[in-house]
Amino acid sequence: MDDKMPNDNTKVPAISVCMPVYNGKTFLPRAFQSLAAQTFRDFEIIIVDDGSTDGSANEGQRLLLDNHLQGTVIRTTNQGAEQARDVACAHARAMVIAHLDCDDIWDSSYLSTMIAILKSHPDLDLVYCDILQESAEGGAILKSAISPWIDLSQASREKDLYIFPSGRFFKLLLGGIVLLPSCTVYTKALYKRAGPYSASIPEARTSLDWYFGLRASRSGTIAFLRRPLVRRYLHGANASGDLVKLTTWNVRVLQSILADRTLSKDERRIACAKGAVISIWACDITLRIDQNHWSAIKWALTSLRFRINWHAARMLVLSLIPRFFVEGVRKIQATVRN
């Protein structure tokens, strides 16, 4: 049962800002400072406290009142950030949804810029912007400058706004691009079409942001604003998990996507190629670093199920030979003893 701590206003806002929080009390004042500084004021804040033990819910309520912001705090048992996003979206009253993770901050023009784009382009369902990644030492790096953020050649350009034709962005996301929640704003209608973040595979955890983006890009039109209006603070508590576990979740997402029979041959080819590559990577890590042969065999077979490839076959052989050798030595030792 949700435990609400309301700060109600009867007027329906233009934007619902959804904020999942898990033991994020120390980050909340920074996030609320950016919310209070927004030039666009017609928004509500829905904080979902995901079973925190540090008093995050009370801190959120205090910050709402101190900053005279419209909002609600909802307490839930700990289920994960993506499930908390779904709780927030279910309580959102506005027709436009924005997400702000408690350890991220927005430029003061963020909401005004993003909603203006949606209003001036009625065919758009989702718009997202570039992001600055801020280290604990205080340095900041533009996200699009350090990773294959996007192929802008496939979009039509309006100054620093790039609008992608229907279906194009889905292929880019299959390559591994993730729509980070704190830099996305979309219509509630798109959310309903795409389905909840935790739809069908809630065990995929942090890969659910990717999964939602994949489904949303098949259901709506997406635009990218090449302007960094979000700062993401990188720290040890960022939800990423170990990389092999993350690969496991990514494989589950791809398997779910591939189960869709409406995929085109090209979309299926891209998804299979991605699954084969990340499975081989996990195979290499588990064999070379963890020295877990059974896990390596599993990952090699997973790669081959996505796509027949030489790398997976080679890794499978490397995974099998040492185990056969060890078992052979044990049999010889047993024979000698007898």
C-alpha atoms as a PDB file:
ATOM      1  CA  MET A   1       0.000   0.000   0.000  1.00  0.00           C
ATOM      2  CA  ASP A   2       1.323   3.440  -0.904  1.00  0.00           C
ATOM      3  CA  ASP A   3       1.796   5.826   2.014  1.00  0.00           C
ATOM      4  CA  LYS A   4       1.146   9.347   0.712  1.00  0.00           C
ATOM      5  CA  MET A   5       2.301  12.600   2.236  1.00  0.00           C
ATOM      6  CA  PRO A   6       0.362  15.099   0.092  1.00  0.00           C
ATOM      7  CA  ASN A   7       0.866  18.760  -0.627  1.00  0.00           C
ATOM      8  CA  ASP A   8      -2.202  19.147  -2.800  1.00  0.00           C
ATOM      9  CA  ASN A   9      -3.259  21.782  -5.279  1.00  0.00           C
ATOM     10  CA  THR A  10      -6.556  21.334  -7.101  1.00  0.00           C
ATOM     11  CA  LYS A  11      -5.289  22.872 -10.352  1.00  0.00           C
ATOM     12  CA  VAL A  12      -4.038  20.259 -12.830  1.00  0.00           C
ATOM     13  CA  PRO A  13      -0.421  21.142 -13.719  1.00  0.00           C
ATOM     14  CA  ALA A  14       1.106  21.192 -17.195  1.00  0.00           C
ATOM     15  CA  ILE A  15       3.984  18.868 -16.239  1.00  0.00           C
ATOM     16  CA  SER A  16       4.366  16.090 -13.686  1.00  0.00           C
ATOM     17  CA  VAL A  17       7.958  15.715 -12.472  1.00  0.00           C
ATOM     18  CA  CYS A  18       8.539  12.149 -11.292  1.00  0.00           C
ATOM     19  CA  MET A  19      11.381  11.556  -8.828  1.00  0.00           C
ATOM     20  CA  PRO A  20      12.295   8.110  -7.454  1.00  0.00           C
ATOM     21  CA  VAL A  21      14.405   8.246  -4.289  1.00  0.00           C
ATOM     22  CA  TYR A  22      16.263   5.520  -2.466  1.00  0.00           C
ATOM     23  CA  ASN A  23      18.460   6.727   0.399  1.00  0.00           C
ATOM     24  CA  GLY A  24      19.048   9.960  -1.470  1.00  0.00           C
ATOM     25  CA  LYS A  25      18.535  12.404   1.375  1.00  0.00           C
ATOM     26  CA  THR A  26      21.939  14.061   0.858  1.00  0.00           C
ATOM     27  CA  PHE A  27      21.217  14.694  -2.847  1.00  0.00           C
ATOM     28  CA  LEU A  28      17.682  16.047  -2.496  1.00  0.00           C
ATOM     29  CA  PRO A  29      18.558  19.662  -1.553  1.00  0.00           C
ATOM     30  CA  ARG A  30      20.674  20.003  -4.699  1.00  0.00           C
ATOM     31  CA  ALA A  31      17.893  18.602  -6.902  1.00  0.00           C
ATOM     32  CA  PHE A  32      15.267  20.820  -5.273  1.00  0.00           C
ATOM     33  CA  GLN A  33      17.431  23.880  -5.741  1.00  0.00           C
ATOM     34  CA  SER A  34      17.271  23.260  -9.504  1.00  0.00           C
ATOM     35  CA  LEU A  35      13.509  22.644  -9.331  1.00  0.00           C
ATOM     36  CA  ALA A  36      12.885  25.859  -7.414  1.00  0.00           C
ATOM     37  CA  ALA A  37      14.946  27.765 -10.011  1.00  0.00           C
ATOM     38  CA  GLN A  38      12.829  26.666 -12.989  1.00  0.00           C
ATOM     39  CA  THR A  39      11.523  29.534 -15.086  1.00  0.00           C
ATOM     40  CA  PHE A  40       8.500  27.390 -16.002  1.00  0.00           C
ATOM     41  CA  ARG A  41       6.432  27.100 -12.840  1.00  0.00           C
ATOM     42  CA  ASP A  42       3.331  25.076 -13.771  1.00  0.00           C
ATOM     43  CA  PHE A  43       4.503  21.671 -12.562  1.00  0.00           C
ATOM     44  CA  GLU A  44       3.962  19.193  -9.764  1.00  0.00           C
ATOM     45  CA  ILE A  45       6.580  16.952  -8.159  1.00  0.00           C
ATOM     46  CA  ILE A  46       5.821  13.331  -7.327  1.00  0.00           C
ATOM     47  CA  ILE A  47       8.475  11.876  -5.041  1.00  0.00           C
ATOM     48  CA  VAL A  48       8.396   8.101  -4.629  1.00  0.00           C
ATOM     49  CA  ASP A  49      10.460   7.016  -1.646  1.00  0.00           C
ATOM     50  CA  ASP A  50      11.534   3.473  -2.583  1.00  0.00           C
ATOM     51  CA  GLY A  51      11.882   2.068   0.925  1.00  0.00           C
ATOM     52  CA  SER A  52      14.607   4.479   2.063  1.00  0.00           C
ATOM     53  CA  THR A  53      16.089   4.133   5.532  1.00  0.00           C
ATOM     54  CA  ASP A  54      17.729   7.583   5.731  1.00  0.00           C
ATOM     55  CA  GLY A  55      14.652   9.788   6.092  1.00  0.00           C
ATOM     56  CA  SER A  56      14.436  10.693   2.388  1.00  0.00           C
ATOM     57  CA  ALA A  57      10.631  10.899   2.478  1.00  0.00           C
ATOM     58  CA  ASN A  58      10.576  13.430   5.320  1.00  0.00           C
ATOM     59  CA  GLU A  59      13.357  15.428   3.669  1.00  0.00           C
ATOM     60  CA  GLY A  60      11.400  15.506   0.408  1.00  0.00           C
ATOM     61  CA  GLN A  61       8.292  16.739   2.167  1.00  0.00           C
ATOM     62  CA  ARG A  62      10.291  19.422   3.965  1.00  0.00           C
ATOM     63  CA  LEU A  63      11.859  20.625   0.723  1.00  0.00           C
ATOM     64  CA  LEU A  64       8.472  20.795  -1.002  1.00  0.00           C
ATOM     65  CA  LEU A  65       7.128  23.036   1.762  1.00  0.00           C
ATOM     66  CA  ASP A  66      10.256  25.159   2.178  1.00  0.00           C
ATOM     67  CA  ASN A  67      10.447  25.871  -1.558  1.00  0.00           C
ATOM     68  CA  HIS A  68       6.652  26.400  -1.908  1.00  0.00           C
ATOM     69  CA  LEU A  69       6.442  23.698  -4.587  1.00  0.00           C
ATOM     70  CA  GLN A  70       3.364  21.701  -5.469  1.00  0.00           C
ATOM     71  CA  GLY A  71       3.878  17.989  -4.913  1.00  0.00           C
ATOM     72  CA  THR A  72       3.312  14.696  -3.164  1.00  0.00           C
ATOM     73  CA  VAL A  73       5.542  12.193  -1.374  1.00  0.00           C
ATOM     74  CA  ILE A  74       4.648   8.516  -1.729  1.00  0.00           C
ATOM     75  CA  ARG A  75       6.283   5.831   0.396  1.00  0.00           C
ATOM     76  CA  THR A  76       6.653   2.302  -1.019  1.00  0.00           C
ATOM     77  CA  THR A  77       8.571  -0.828  -0.135  1.00  0.00           C
ATOM     78  CA  ASN A  78      11.913  -1.177  -1.924  1.00  0.00           C
ATOM     79  CA  GLN A  79      11.346  -2.492  -5.444  1.00  0.00           C
ATOM     80  CA  GLY A  80      13.827  -0.556  -7.570  1.00  0.00           C
ATOM     81  CA  ALA A  81      14.020   2.795  -9.348  1.00  0.00           C
ATOM     82  CA  GLU A  82      12.086   1.727 -12.439  1.00  0.00           C
ATOM     83  CA  GLN A  83       9.157   0.393 -10.427  1.00  0.00           C
ATOM     84  CA  ALA A  84       9.228   3.668  -8.465  1.00  0.00           C
ATOM     85  CA  ARG A  85       9.040   5.568 -11.772  1.00  0.00           C
ATOM     86  CA  ASP A  86       5.912   3.607 -12.638  1.00  0.00           C
ATOM     87  CA  VAL A  87       4.327   4.482  -9.289  1.00  0.00           C
ATOM     88  CA  ALA A  88       5.078   8.155  -9.937  1.00  0.00           C
ATOM     89  CA  CYS A  89       3.697   7.992 -13.485  1.00  0.00           C
ATOM     90  CA  ALA A  90       0.524   6.322 -12.212  1.00  0.00           C
ATOM     91  CA  HIS A  91      -0.043   9.303  -9.889  1.00  0.00           C
ATOM     92  CA  ALA A  92       0.930  11.936 -12.479  1.00  0.00           C
ATOM     93  CA  ARG A  93      -1.959  14.310 -13.221  1.00  0.00           C
ATOM     94  CA  ALA A  94      -0.372  16.238 -16.089  1.00  0.00           C
ATOM     95  CA  MET A  95      -0.422  15.296 -19.763  1.00  0.00           C
ATOM     96  CA  VAL A  96       3.366  15.711 -19.936  1.00  0.00           C
ATOM     97  CA  ILE A  97       5.814  13.691 -17.837  1.00  0.00           C
ATOM     98  CA  ALA A  98       9.377  14.613 -16.880  1.00  0.00           C
ATOM     99  CA  HIS A  99      11.778  12.589 -14.744  1.00  0.00           C
ATOM    100  CA  LEU A 100      14.441  13.898 -12.411  1.00  0.00           C
ATOM    101  CA  ASP A 101      16.624  11.473 -10.486  1.00  0.00           C
ATOM    102  CA  CYS A 102      17.450  12.831  -7.060  1.00  0.00           C
ATOM    103  CA  ASP A 103      21.194  13.015  -7.801  1.00  0.00           C
ATOM    104  CA  ASP A 104      20.764  15.000 -11.043  1.00  0.00           C
ATOM    105  CA  ILE A 105      20.011  18.687 -11.566  1.00  0.00           C
ATOM    106  CA  TRP A 106      18.355  20.726 -14.319  1.00  0.00           C
ATOM    107  CA  ASP A 107      19.289  24.028 -15.880  1.00  0.00           C
ATOM    108  CA  SER A 108      16.756  26.682 -14.876  1.00  0.00           C
ATOM    109  CA  SER A 109      15.414  26.733 -18.457  1.00  0.00           C
ATOM    110  CA  TYR A 110      14.974  22.962 -18.725  1.00  0.00           C
ATOM    111  CA  LEU A 111      11.205  22.641 -18.331  1.00  0.00           C
ATOM    112  CA  SER A 112      10.389  25.801 -20.288  1.00  0.00           C
ATOM    113  CA  THR A 113      12.595  24.674 -23.182  1.00  0.00           C
ATOM    114  CA  MET A 114      11.371  21.090 -23.319  1.00  0.00           C
ATOM    115  CA  ILE A 115       7.644  21.846 -23.099  1.00  0.00           C
ATOM    116  CA  ALA A 116       7.995  24.625 -25.683  1.00  0.00           C
ATOM    117  CA  ILE A 117       9.420  22.060 -28.115  1.00  0.00           C
ATOM    118  CA  LEU A 118       6.536  19.669 -27.523  1.00  0.00           C
ATOM    119  CA  LYS A 119       3.959  22.441 -27.940  1.00  0.00           C
ATOM    120  CA  SER A 120       5.513  23.781 -31.139  1.00  0.00           C
ATOM    121  CA  HIS A 121       5.822  20.280 -32.636  1.00  0.00           C
ATOM    122  CA  PRO A 122       2.489  18.510 -32.002  1.00  0.00           C
ATOM    123  CA  ASP A 123       3.687  15.375 -33.815  1.00  0.00           C
ATOM    124  CA  LEU A 124       6.482  14.868 -31.276  1.00  0.00           C
ATOM    125  CA  ASP A 125       5.948  12.420 -28.440  1.00  0.00           C
ATOM    126  CA  LEU A 126       9.302  12.635 -26.667  1.00  0.00           C
ATOM    127  CA  VAL A 127      12.189  15.104 -26.553  1.00  0.00           C
ATOM    128  CA  TYR A 128      15.475  14.631 -24.772  1.00  0.00           C
ATOM    129  CA  CYS A 129      18.570  16.753 -24.383  1.00  0.00           C
ATOM    130  CA  ASP A 130      22.305  16.351 -24.009  1.00  0.00           C
ATOM    131  CA  ILE A 131      23.820  16.012 -20.560  1.00  0.00           C
ATOM    132  CA  LEU A 132      26.910  17.050 -18.632  1.00  0.00           C
ATOM    133  CA  GLN A 133      28.438  14.341 -16.474  1.00  0.00           C
ATOM    134  CA  GLU A 134      29.978  15.810 -13.342  1.00  0.00           C
ATOM    135  CA  SER A 135      32.649  13.913 -11.413  1.00  0.00           C
ATOM    136  CA  ALA A 136      33.166  14.005  -7.658  1.00  0.00           C
ATOM    137  CA  GLU A 137      36.213  16.191  -8.302  1.00  0.00           C
ATOM    138  CA  GLY A 138      34.027  18.830  -9.949  1.00  0.00           C
ATOM    139  CA  GLY A 139      34.944  18.300 -13.601  1.00  0.00           C
ATOM    140  CA  ALA A 140      32.173  18.039 -16.194  1.00  0.00           C
ATOM    141  CA  ILE A 141      32.204  16.204 -19.538  1.00  0.00           C
ATOM    142  CA  LEU A 142      29.593  16.454 -22.285  1.00  0.00           C
ATOM    143  CA  LYS A 143      27.951  13.041 -22.661  1.00  0.00           C
ATOM    144  CA  SER A 144      27.691  13.224 -26.455  1.00  0.00           C
ATOM    145  CA  ALA A 145      31.424  13.971 -26.665  1.00  0.00           C
ATOM    146  CA  ILE A 146      32.556  10.760 -24.958  1.00  0.00           C
ATOM    147  CA  SER A 147      30.158   8.152 -26.310  1.00  0.00           C
ATOM    148  CA  PRO A 148      28.361   7.266 -29.559  1.00  0.00           C
ATOM    149  CA  TRP A 149      25.364   9.236 -28.340  1.00  0.00           C
ATOM    150  CA  ILE A 150      23.451   9.460 -31.601  1.00  0.00           C
ATOM    151  CA  ASP A 151      23.643   9.471 -35.392  1.00  0.00           C
ATOM    152  CA  LEU A 152      22.403  12.968 -36.166  1.00  0.00           C
ATOM    153  CA  SER A 153      22.684  12.369 -39.926  1.00  0.00           C
ATOM    154  CA  GLN A 154      19.420  10.400 -39.777  1.00  0.00           C
ATOM    155  CA  ALA A 155      17.393  13.336 -38.424  1.00  0.00           C
ATOM    156  CA  SER A 156      15.964  16.545 -39.832  1.00  0.00           C
ATOM    157  CA  ARG A 157      17.478  19.629 -38.196  1.00  0.00           C
ATOM    158  CA  GLU A 158      15.909  22.795 -36.789  1.00  0.00           C
ATOM    159  CA  LYS A 159      18.822  24.771 -35.279  1.00  0.00           C
ATOM    160  CA  ASP A 160      19.957  22.529 -32.374  1.00  0.00           C
ATOM    161  CA  LEU A 161      16.855  20.289 -32.475  1.00  0.00           C
ATOM    162  CA  TYR A 162      17.070  16.999 -34.403  1.00  0.00           C
ATOM    163  CA  ILE A 163      13.812  15.221 -35.228  1.00  0.00           C
ATOM    164  CA  PHE A 164      13.955  11.551 -36.202  1.00  0.00           C
ATOM    165  CA  PRO A 165      11.578   9.894 -38.666  1.00  0.00           C
ATOM    166  CA  SER A 166       9.370   7.172 -37.243  1.00  0.00           C
ATOM    167  CA  GLY A 167      11.324   3.960 -36.654  1.00  0.00           C
ATOM    168  CA  ARG A 168      14.803   5.444 -37.112  1.00  0.00           C
ATOM    169  CA  PHE A 169      15.475   6.040 -33.472  1.00  0.00           C
ATOM    170  CA  PHE A 170      14.492   2.482 -32.560  1.00  0.00           C
ATOM    171  CA  LYS A 171      17.439   1.168 -34.567  1.00  0.00           C
ATOM    172  CA  LEU A 172      19.805   3.581 -32.813  1.00  0.00           C
ATOM    173  CA  LEU A 173      18.552   2.430 -29.430  1.00  0.00           C
ATOM    174  CA  LEU A 174      19.089  -1.204 -30.424  1.00  0.00           C
ATOM    175  CA  GLY A 175      22.764  -0.310 -30.738  1.00  0.00           C
ATOM    176  CA  GLY A 176      22.849   0.493 -27.034  1.00  0.00           C
ATOM    177  CA  ILE A 177      21.872   4.165 -26.638  1.00  0.00           C
ATOM    178  CA  VAL A 178      19.903   4.734 -23.423  1.00  0.00           C
ATOM    179  CA  LEU A 179      17.406   7.534 -22.908  1.00  0.00           C
ATOM    180  CA  LEU A 180      18.524   8.700 -19.464  1.00  0.00           C
ATOM    181  CA  PRO A 181      15.318   9.580 -17.574  1.00  0.00           C
ATOM    182  CA  SER A 182      16.523  12.934 -16.222  1.00  0.00           C
ATOM    183  CA  CYS A 183      16.897  14.366 -19.742  1.00  0.00           C
ATOM    184  CA  THR A 184      13.625  13.080 -21.231  1.00  0.00           C
ATOM    185  CA  VAL A 185      10.202  14.705 -21.361  1.00  0.00           C
ATOM    186  CA  TYR A 186       7.315  12.932 -23.047  1.00  0.00           C
ATOM    187  CA  THR A 187       3.550  12.841 -23.324  1.00  0.00           C
ATOM    188  CA  LYS A 188       1.504  10.714 -20.976  1.00  0.00           C
ATOM    189  CA  ALA A 189      -0.137   9.224 -24.058  1.00  0.00           C
ATOM    190  CA  LEU A 190       3.250   7.836 -25.132  1.00  0.00           C
ATOM    191  CA  TYR A 191       3.767   6.297 -21.697  1.00  0.00           C
ATOM    192  CA  LYS A 192       0.411   4.548 -21.952  1.00  0.00           C
ATOM    193  CA  ARG A 193       1.220   3.218 -25.436  1.00  0.00           C
ATOM    194  CA  ALA A 194       4.724   2.057 -24.545  1.00  0.00           C
ATOM    195  CA  GLY A 195       3.695   0.586 -21.212  1.00  0.00           C
ATOM    196  CA  PRO A 196       5.346   0.849 -17.781  1.00  0.00           C
ATOM    197  CA  TYR A 197       9.102   0.842 -17.276  1.00  0.00           C
ATOM    198  CA  SER A 198       8.909  -2.493 -15.482  1.00  0.00           C
ATOM    199  CA  ALA A 199       6.527  -4.053 -18.041  1.00  0.00           C
ATOM    200  CA  SER A 200       6.878  -7.858 -18.432  1.00  0.00           C
ATOM    201  CA  ILE A 201      10.519  -8.128 -17.259  1.00  0.00           C
ATOM    202  CA  PRO A 202      10.852  -6.251 -13.939  1.00  0.00           C
ATOM    203  CA  GLU A 203      13.869  -8.423 -13.048  1.00  0.00           C
ATOM    204  CA  ALA A 204      15.931  -6.589 -15.688  1.00  0.00           C
ATOM    205  CA  ARG A 205      16.480  -3.762 -13.187  1.00  0.00           C
ATOM    206  CA  THR A 206      18.590  -0.876 -14.578  1.00  0.00           C
ATOM    207  CA  SER A 207      18.193  -2.110 -18.174  1.00  0.00           C
ATOM    208  CA  LEU A 208      14.533  -1.117 -17.954  1.00  0.00           C
ATOM    209  CA  ASP A 209      15.387   2.470 -18.949  1.00  0.00           C
ATOM    210  CA  TRP A 210      16.731   1.048 -22.208  1.00  0.00           C
ATOM    211  CA  TYR A 211      13.719  -1.240 -22.570  1.00  0.00           C
ATOM    212  CA  PHE A 212      11.289   1.643 -22.119  1.00  0.00           C
ATOM    213  CA  GLY A 213      13.173   3.722 -24.693  1.00  0.00           C
ATOM    214  CA  LEU A 214      13.015   0.880 -27.210  1.00  0.00           C
ATOM    215  CA  ARG A 215       9.269   0.505 -26.788  1.00  0.00           C
ATOM    216  CA  ALA A 216       8.673   4.252 -26.771  1.00  0.00           C
ATOM    217  CA  SER A 217      10.662   4.728 -29.977  1.00  0.00           C
ATOM    218  CA  ARG A 218       8.409   2.214 -31.728  1.00  0.00           C
ATOM    219  CA  SER A 219       5.304   3.969 -30.439  1.00  0.00           C
ATOM    220  CA  GLY A 220       6.185   7.618 -31.014  1.00  0.00           C
ATOM    221  CA  THR A 221       8.337  10.280 -32.649  1.00  0.00           C
ATOM    222  CA  ILE A 222      11.514  11.350 -30.854  1.00  0.00           C
ATOM    223  CA  ALA A 223      13.639  14.493 -31.044  1.00  0.00           C
ATOM    224  CA  PHE A 224      17.089  15.250 -29.621  1.00  0.00           C
ATOM    225  CA  LEU A 225      18.013  18.714 -28.370  1.00  0.00           C
ATOM    226  CA  ARG A 226      21.751  19.163 -28.761  1.00  0.00           C
ATOM    227  CA  ARG A 227      22.004  21.360 -25.700  1.00  0.00           C
ATOM    228  CA  PRO A 228      23.196  20.233 -22.237  1.00  0.00           C
ATOM    229  CA  LEU A 229      20.396  21.234 -19.886  1.00  0.00           C
ATOM    230  CA  VAL A 230      21.058  18.476 -17.320  1.00  0.00           C
ATOM    231  CA  ARG A 231      23.977  17.783 -15.026  1.00  0.00           C
ATOM    232  CA  ARG A 232      24.476  14.233 -13.811  1.00  0.00           C
ATOM    233  CA  TYR A 233      26.602  13.739 -10.734  1.00  0.00           C
ATOM    234  CA  LEU A 234      28.675  10.552 -11.013  1.00  0.00           C
ATOM    235  CA  HIS A 235      29.314   8.867  -7.683  1.00  0.00           C
ATOM    236  CA  GLY A 236      29.618   5.447  -6.150  1.00  0.00           C
ATOM    237  CA  ALA A 237      25.883   5.150  -5.517  1.00  0.00           C
ATOM    238  CA  ASN A 238      24.852   5.466  -9.190  1.00  0.00           C
ATOM    239  CA  ALA A 239      22.679   2.462 -10.012  1.00  0.00           C
ATOM    240  CA  SER A 240      24.604   0.336 -12.512  1.00  0.00           C
ATOM    241  CA  GLY A 241      25.504  -2.918 -10.787  1.00  0.00           C
ATOM    242  CA  ASP A 242      28.307  -5.190 -11.927  1.00  0.00           C
ATOM    243  CA  LEU A 243      28.799  -5.300 -15.686  1.00  0.00           C
ATOM    244  CA  VAL A 244      28.134  -9.014 -16.204  1.00  0.00           C
ATOM    245  CA  LYS A 245      24.838  -8.718 -14.323  1.00  0.00           C
ATOM    246  CA  LEU A 246      23.974  -5.660 -16.437  1.00  0.00           C
ATOM    247  CA  THR A 247      24.705  -7.725 -19.570  1.00  0.00           C
ATOM    248  CA  THR A 248      22.324 -10.400 -18.281  1.00  0.00           C
ATOM    249  CA  TRP A 249      19.580  -7.791 -18.015  1.00  0.00           C
ATOM    250  CA  ASN A 250      20.404  -6.381 -21.459  1.00  0.00           C
ATOM    251  CA  VAL A 251      20.105  -9.860 -22.945  1.00  0.00           C
ATOM    252  CA  ARG A 252      16.659 -10.234 -21.360  1.00  0.00           C
ATOM    253  CA  VAL A 253      15.596  -6.951 -22.945  1.00  0.00           C
ATOM    254  CA  LEU A 254      16.818  -8.028 -26.388  1.00  0.00           C
ATOM    255  CA  GLN A 255      15.127 -11.414 -26.075  1.00  0.00           C
ATOM    256  CA  SER A 256      11.862  -9.649 -25.227  1.00  0.00           C
ATOM    257  CA  ILE A 257      12.246  -7.280 -28.190  1.00  0.00           C
ATOM    258  CA  LEU A 258      13.049 -10.157 -30.560  1.00  0.00           C
ATOM    259  CA  ALA A 259       9.855 -11.929 -29.488  1.00  0.00           C
ATOM    260  CA  ASP A 260       7.948  -9.175 -31.309  1.00  0.00           C
ATOM    261  CA  ARG A 261       7.047 -10.656 -34.696  1.00  0.00           C
ATOM    262  CA  THR A 262       6.445  -7.224 -36.209  1.00  0.00           C
ATOM    263  CA  LEU A 263      10.193  -6.441 -36.224  1.00  0.00           C
ATOM    264  CA  SER A 264      11.623  -5.854 -39.677  1.00  0.00           C
ATOM    265  CA  LYS A 265      14.523  -8.011 -40.921  1.00  0.00           C
ATOM    266  CA  ASP A 266      16.910  -5.112 -40.457  1.00  0.00           C
ATOM    267  CA  GLU A 267      15.716  -4.432 -36.903  1.00  0.00           C
ATOM    268  CA  ARG A 268      16.030  -8.122 -36.082  1.00  0.00           C
ATOM    269  CA  ARG A 269      19.552  -8.205 -37.560  1.00  0.00           C
ATOM    270  CA  ILE A 270      20.671  -5.236 -35.426  1.00  0.00           C
ATOM    271  CA  ALA A 271      19.172  -6.727 -32.247  1.00  0.00           C
ATOM    272  CA  CYS A 272      20.806 -10.107 -32.877  1.00  0.00           C
ATOM    273  CA  ALA A 273      24.163  -8.505 -33.601  1.00  0.00           C
ATOM    274  CA  LYS A 274      23.977  -6.515 -30.349  1.00  0.00           C
ATOM    275  CA  GLY A 275      23.020  -9.609 -28.359  1.00  0.00           C
ATOM    276  CA  ALA A 276      25.871 -11.631 -29.855  1.00  0.00           C
ATOM    277  CA  VAL A 277      28.462  -8.936 -29.114  1.00  0.00           C
ATOM    278  CA  ILE A 278      27.499  -8.291 -25.484  1.00  0.00           C
ATOM    279  CA  SER A 279      27.235 -12.043 -24.789  1.00  0.00           C
ATOM    280  CA  ILE A 280      30.756 -12.604 -26.127  1.00  0.00           C
ATOM    281  CA  TRP A 281      31.988  -9.770 -23.930  1.00  0.00           C
ATOM    282  CA  ALA A 282      30.411 -11.420 -20.870  1.00  0.00           C
ATOM    283  CA  CYS A 283      31.882 -14.779 -21.911  1.00  0.00           C
ATOM    284  CA  ASP A 284      35.364 -13.291 -22.101  1.00  0.00           C
ATOM    285  CA  ILE A 285      35.050 -11.613 -18.691  1.00  0.00           C
ATOM    286  CA  THR A 286      33.747 -14.723 -16.910  1.00  0.00           C
ATOM    287  CA  LEU A 287      36.423 -16.941 -18.493  1.00  0.00           C
ATOM    288  CA  ARG A 288      39.480 -14.692 -18.346  1.00  0.00           C
ATOM    289  CA  ILE A 289      38.867 -12.798 -15.091  1.00  0.00           C
ATOM    290  CA  ASP A 290      36.350 -14.847 -13.070  1.00  0.00           C
ATOM    291  CA  GLN A 291      37.676 -18.185 -14.437  1.00  0.00           C
ATOM    292  CA  ASN A 292      34.147 -19.519 -14.321  1.00  0.00           C
ATOM    293  CA  HIS A 293      34.022 -22.054 -17.160  1.00  0.00           C
ATOM    294  CA  TRP A 294      30.377 -23.017 -16.794  1.00  0.00           C
ATOM    295  CA  SER A 295      29.304 -19.374 -16.928  1.00  0.00           C
ATOM    296  CA  ALA A 296      31.572 -18.778 -19.929  1.00  0.00           C
ATOM    297  CA  ILE A 297      30.019 -21.744 -21.750  1.00  0.00           C
ATOM    298  CA  LYS A 298      26.555 -20.357 -21.051  1.00  0.00           C
ATOM    299  CA  TRP A 299      27.497 -16.943 -22.457  1.00  0.00           C
ATOM    300  CA  ALA A 300      29.110 -18.462 -25.567  1.00  0.00           C
ATOM    301  CA  LEU A 301      25.960 -20.480 -26.276  1.00  0.00           C
ATOM    302  CA  THR A 302      23.835 -17.372 -25.692  1.00  0.00           C
ATOM    303  CA  SER A 303      25.900 -15.504 -28.275  1.00  0.00           C
ATOM    304  CA  LEU A 304      25.466 -18.349 -30.777  1.00  0.00           C
ATOM    305  CA  ARG A 305      21.714 -18.328 -30.221  1.00  0.00           C
ATOM    306  CA  PHE A 306      21.639 -14.650 -31.172  1.00  0.00           C
ATOM    307  CA  ARG A 307      23.848 -15.147 -34.216  1.00  0.00           C
ATOM    308  CA  ILE A 308      26.246 -17.850 -35.461  1.00  0.00           C
ATOM    309  CA  ASN A 309      29.682 -16.281 -35.206  1.00  0.00           C
ATOM    310  CA  TRP A 310      33.327 -17.336 -35.107  1.00  0.00           C
ATOM    311  CA  HIS A 311      34.114 -15.465 -31.886  1.00  0.00           C
ATOM    312  CA  ALA A 312      31.447 -17.336 -29.915  1.00  0.00           C
ATOM    313  CA  ALA A 313      32.539 -20.700 -31.335  1.00  0.00           C
ATOM    314  CA  ARG A 314      36.160 -19.965 -30.389  1.00  0.00           C
ATOM    315  CA  MET A 315      35.213 -18.878 -26.867  1.00  0.00           C
ATOM    316  CA  LEU A 316      33.100 -22.018 -26.465  1.00  0.00           C
ATOM    317  CA  VAL A 317      36.088 -24.193 -27.338  1.00  0.00           C
ATOM    318  CA  LEU A 318      38.327 -22.258 -24.940  1.00  0.00           C
ATOM    319  CA  SER A 319      35.729 -22.727 -22.227  1.00  0.00           C
ATOM    320  CA  LEU A 320      35.390 -26.471 -22.811  1.00  0.00           C
ATOM    321  CA  ILE A 321      39.003 -27.609 -23.236  1.00  0.00           C
ATOM    322  CA  PRO A 322      40.271 -26.765 -19.731  1.00  0.00           C
ATOM    323  CA  ARG A 323      37.312 -28.509 -18.113  1.00  0.00           C
ATOM    324  CA  PHE A 324      37.847 -31.667 -20.201  1.00  0.00           C
ATOM    325  CA  PHE A 325      41.524 -31.564 -19.288  1.00  0.00           C
ATOM    326  CA  VAL A 326      40.805 -31.305 -15.565  1.00  0.00           C
ATOM    327  CA  GLU A 327      38.241 -34.091 -15.707  1.00  0.00           C
ATOM    328  CA  GLY A 328      40.692 -36.285 -17.616  1.00  0.00           C
ATOM    329  CA  VAL A 329      43.382 -35.781 -14.989  1.00  0.00           C
ATOM    330  CA  ARG A 330      40.915 -36.664 -12.251  1.00  0.00           C
ATOM    331  CA  LYS A 331      39.946 -39.907 -14.025  1.00  0.00           C
ATOM    332  CA  ILE A 332      43.620 -40.889 -14.373  1.00  0.00           C
ATOM    333  CA  GLN A 333      44.221 -40.179 -10.692  1.00  0.00           C
ATOM    334  CA  ALA A 334      41.208 -42.276  -9.723  1.00  0.00           C
ATOM    335  CA  THR A 335      42.439 -45.166 -11.893  1.00  0.00           C
ATOM    336  CA  VAL A 336      45.917 -45.041 -10.324  1.00  0.00           C
ATOM    337  CA  ARG A 337      44.437 -45.129  -6.804  1.00  0.00           C
ATOM    338  CA  ASN A 338      42.325 -48.165  -7.668  1.00  0.00           C
END
